[in-house]
């Protein structure tokens, strides 16, 4: 898939909708930018918005989770999605 975008004066780029949809990129998604040795830009989707964290917090009547448990769940989700998009 090939698409084009223009960099604004502030250095901002709007990703084409077809790419956002294909990659599941939502508002709040985290992206990692890498410059390869051949000077190409690589963008990796790390997470797809705050909605991807739904269900990590305890519901009424459930035991609370520690920050360590939440960090581990977030890390696991990010790694799984990174492998899926690679």
C-alpha atoms as a PDB file:
ATOM      1  CA  UNK A   1       0.000   0.000   0.000  1.00  0.00           C
ATOM      2  CA  UNK A   2       1.405   3.382  -0.951  1.00  0.00           C
ATOM      3  CA  UNK A   3       0.066   6.737   0.203  1.00  0.00           C
ATOM      4  CA  UNK A   4       1.459  10.228   0.441  1.00  0.00           C
ATOM      5  CA  UNK A   5       1.287  12.909   3.124  1.00  0.00           C
ATOM      6  CA  UNK A   6       2.585  16.449   3.504  1.00  0.00           C
ATOM      7  CA  UNK A   7       4.552  17.654   6.523  1.00  0.00           C
ATOM      8  CA  UNK A   8       3.065  20.826   8.067  1.00  0.00           C
ATOM      9  CA  UNK A   9       5.089  23.803   9.286  1.00  0.00           C
ATOM     10  CA  UNK A  10       4.869  22.301  12.788  1.00  0.00           C
ATOM     11  CA  UNK A  11       6.309  18.987  11.552  1.00  0.00           C
ATOM     12  CA  UNK A  12       2.960  17.228  11.764  1.00  0.00           C
ATOM     13  CA  UNK A  13       1.825  14.555   9.330  1.00  0.00           C
ATOM     14  CA  UNK A  14      -1.719  13.274   8.887  1.00  0.00           C
ATOM     15  CA  UNK A  15      -1.745   9.561   8.201  1.00  0.00           C
ATOM     16  CA  UNK A  16      -4.094   8.633   5.359  1.00  0.00           C
ATOM     17  CA  UNK A  17      -7.355   7.146   6.656  1.00  0.00           C
ATOM     18  CA  UNK A  18      -6.892   3.911   4.723  1.00  0.00           C
ATOM     19  CA  UNK A  19      -3.601   3.322   6.584  1.00  0.00           C
ATOM     20  CA  UNK A  20      -5.066   4.258   9.985  1.00  0.00           C
ATOM     21  CA  UNK A  21      -7.902   1.808   9.373  1.00  0.00           C
ATOM     22  CA  UNK A  22      -5.580  -0.955   8.134  1.00  0.00           C
ATOM     23  CA  UNK A  23      -3.289  -0.632  11.167  1.00  0.00           C
ATOM     24  CA  UNK A  24      -6.003   0.049  13.746  1.00  0.00           C
ATOM     25  CA  UNK A  25      -4.526   3.448  14.627  1.00  0.00           C
ATOM     26  CA  UNK A  26      -6.952   5.437  16.773  1.00  0.00           C
ATOM     27  CA  UNK A  27      -6.679   8.792  18.559  1.00  0.00           C
ATOM     28  CA  UNK A  28      -4.231   8.293  21.419  1.00  0.00           C
ATOM     29  CA  UNK A  29      -2.315   5.516  19.653  1.00  0.00           C
ATOM     30  CA  UNK A  30       1.419   5.415  20.344  1.00  0.00           C
ATOM     31  CA  UNK A  31       3.791   5.221  17.379  1.00  0.00           C
ATOM     32  CA  UNK A  32       7.538   4.618  17.390  1.00  0.00           C
ATOM     33  CA  UNK A  33       9.666   6.248  14.683  1.00  0.00           C
ATOM     34  CA  UNK A  34      12.949   4.680  13.577  1.00  0.00           C
ATOM     35  CA  UNK A  35      15.459   5.818  10.992  1.00  0.00           C
ATOM     36  CA  UNK A  36      16.994   2.838   9.199  1.00  0.00           C
ATOM     37  CA  UNK A  37      20.642   2.844   8.065  1.00  0.00           C
ATOM     38  CA  UNK A  38      19.475   3.544   4.497  1.00  0.00           C
ATOM     39  CA  UNK A  39      17.695   6.692   5.859  1.00  0.00           C
ATOM     40  CA  UNK A  40      14.195   5.304   5.383  1.00  0.00           C
ATOM     41  CA  UNK A  41      11.671   6.111   8.091  1.00  0.00           C
ATOM     42  CA  UNK A  42       9.991   3.193   9.823  1.00  0.00           C
ATOM     43  CA  UNK A  43       6.870   3.680  11.924  1.00  0.00           C
ATOM     44  CA  UNK A  44       5.793   0.997  14.392  1.00  0.00           C
ATOM     45  CA  UNK A  45       2.365   1.014  16.050  1.00  0.00           C
ATOM     46  CA  UNK A  46       2.962   0.377  19.763  1.00  0.00           C
ATOM     47  CA  UNK A  47      -0.608   0.709  21.013  1.00  0.00           C
ATOM     48  CA  UNK A  48      -3.928   1.697  19.534  1.00  0.00           C
ATOM     49  CA  UNK A  49      -5.419   4.266  21.879  1.00  0.00           C
ATOM     50  CA  UNK A  50      -6.684   4.206  25.427  1.00  0.00           C
ATOM     51  CA  UNK A  51      -9.581   1.968  24.441  1.00  0.00           C
ATOM     52  CA  UNK A  52      -7.097  -0.907  24.200  1.00  0.00           C
ATOM     53  CA  UNK A  53      -6.664  -0.698  28.000  1.00  0.00           C
ATOM     54  CA  UNK A  54     -10.367  -1.357  28.658  1.00  0.00           C
ATOM     55  CA  UNK A  55     -10.867  -3.977  31.336  1.00  0.00           C
ATOM     56  CA  UNK A  56      -7.505  -3.607  33.065  1.00  0.00           C
ATOM     57  CA  UNK A  57      -9.003  -1.939  36.135  1.00  0.00           C
ATOM     58  CA  UNK A  58     -11.007  -3.798  38.742  1.00  0.00           C
ATOM     59  CA  UNK A  59     -14.775  -3.798  38.530  1.00  0.00           C
ATOM     60  CA  UNK A  60     -16.889  -3.352  41.660  1.00  0.00           C
ATOM     61  CA  UNK A  61     -16.570  -6.466  43.789  1.00  0.00           C
ATOM     62  CA  UNK A  62     -13.345  -7.634  42.117  1.00  0.00           C
ATOM     63  CA  UNK A  63      -9.939  -7.548  43.754  1.00  0.00           C
ATOM     64  CA  UNK A  64      -7.824  -4.536  42.835  1.00  0.00           C
ATOM     65  CA  UNK A  65      -4.721  -4.977  40.712  1.00  0.00           C
ATOM     66  CA  UNK A  66      -1.315  -3.610  41.612  1.00  0.00           C
ATOM     67  CA  UNK A  67       0.515  -1.119  39.420  1.00  0.00           C
ATOM     68  CA  UNK A  68       2.967  -3.911  38.644  1.00  0.00           C
ATOM     69  CA  UNK A  69       0.126  -6.127  37.415  1.00  0.00           C
ATOM     70  CA  UNK A  70      -1.216  -3.304  35.253  1.00  0.00           C
ATOM     71  CA  UNK A  71       2.249  -2.506  33.853  1.00  0.00           C
ATOM     72  CA  UNK A  72       2.787  -6.182  33.022  1.00  0.00           C
ATOM     73  CA  UNK A  73      -0.587  -6.391  31.247  1.00  0.00           C
ATOM     74  CA  UNK A  74       0.125  -3.235  29.247  1.00  0.00           C
ATOM     75  CA  UNK A  75       3.609  -4.465  28.287  1.00  0.00           C
ATOM     76  CA  UNK A  76       2.219  -7.833  27.216  1.00  0.00           C
ATOM     77  CA  UNK A  77      -0.471  -6.192  25.077  1.00  0.00           C
ATOM     78  CA  UNK A  78       1.997  -3.814  23.408  1.00  0.00           C
ATOM     79  CA  UNK A  79       4.434  -6.653  22.614  1.00  0.00           C
ATOM     80  CA  UNK A  80       1.648  -8.833  21.213  1.00  0.00           C
ATOM     81  CA  UNK A  81       0.401  -6.056  18.953  1.00  0.00           C
ATOM     82  CA  UNK A  82       3.930  -5.175  17.848  1.00  0.00           C
ATOM     83  CA  UNK A  83       4.539  -8.812  16.817  1.00  0.00           C
ATOM     84  CA  UNK A  84       1.218  -8.870  14.977  1.00  0.00           C
ATOM     85  CA  UNK A  85       2.054  -5.718  12.988  1.00  0.00           C
ATOM     86  CA  UNK A  86       5.633  -6.795  12.156  1.00  0.00           C
END
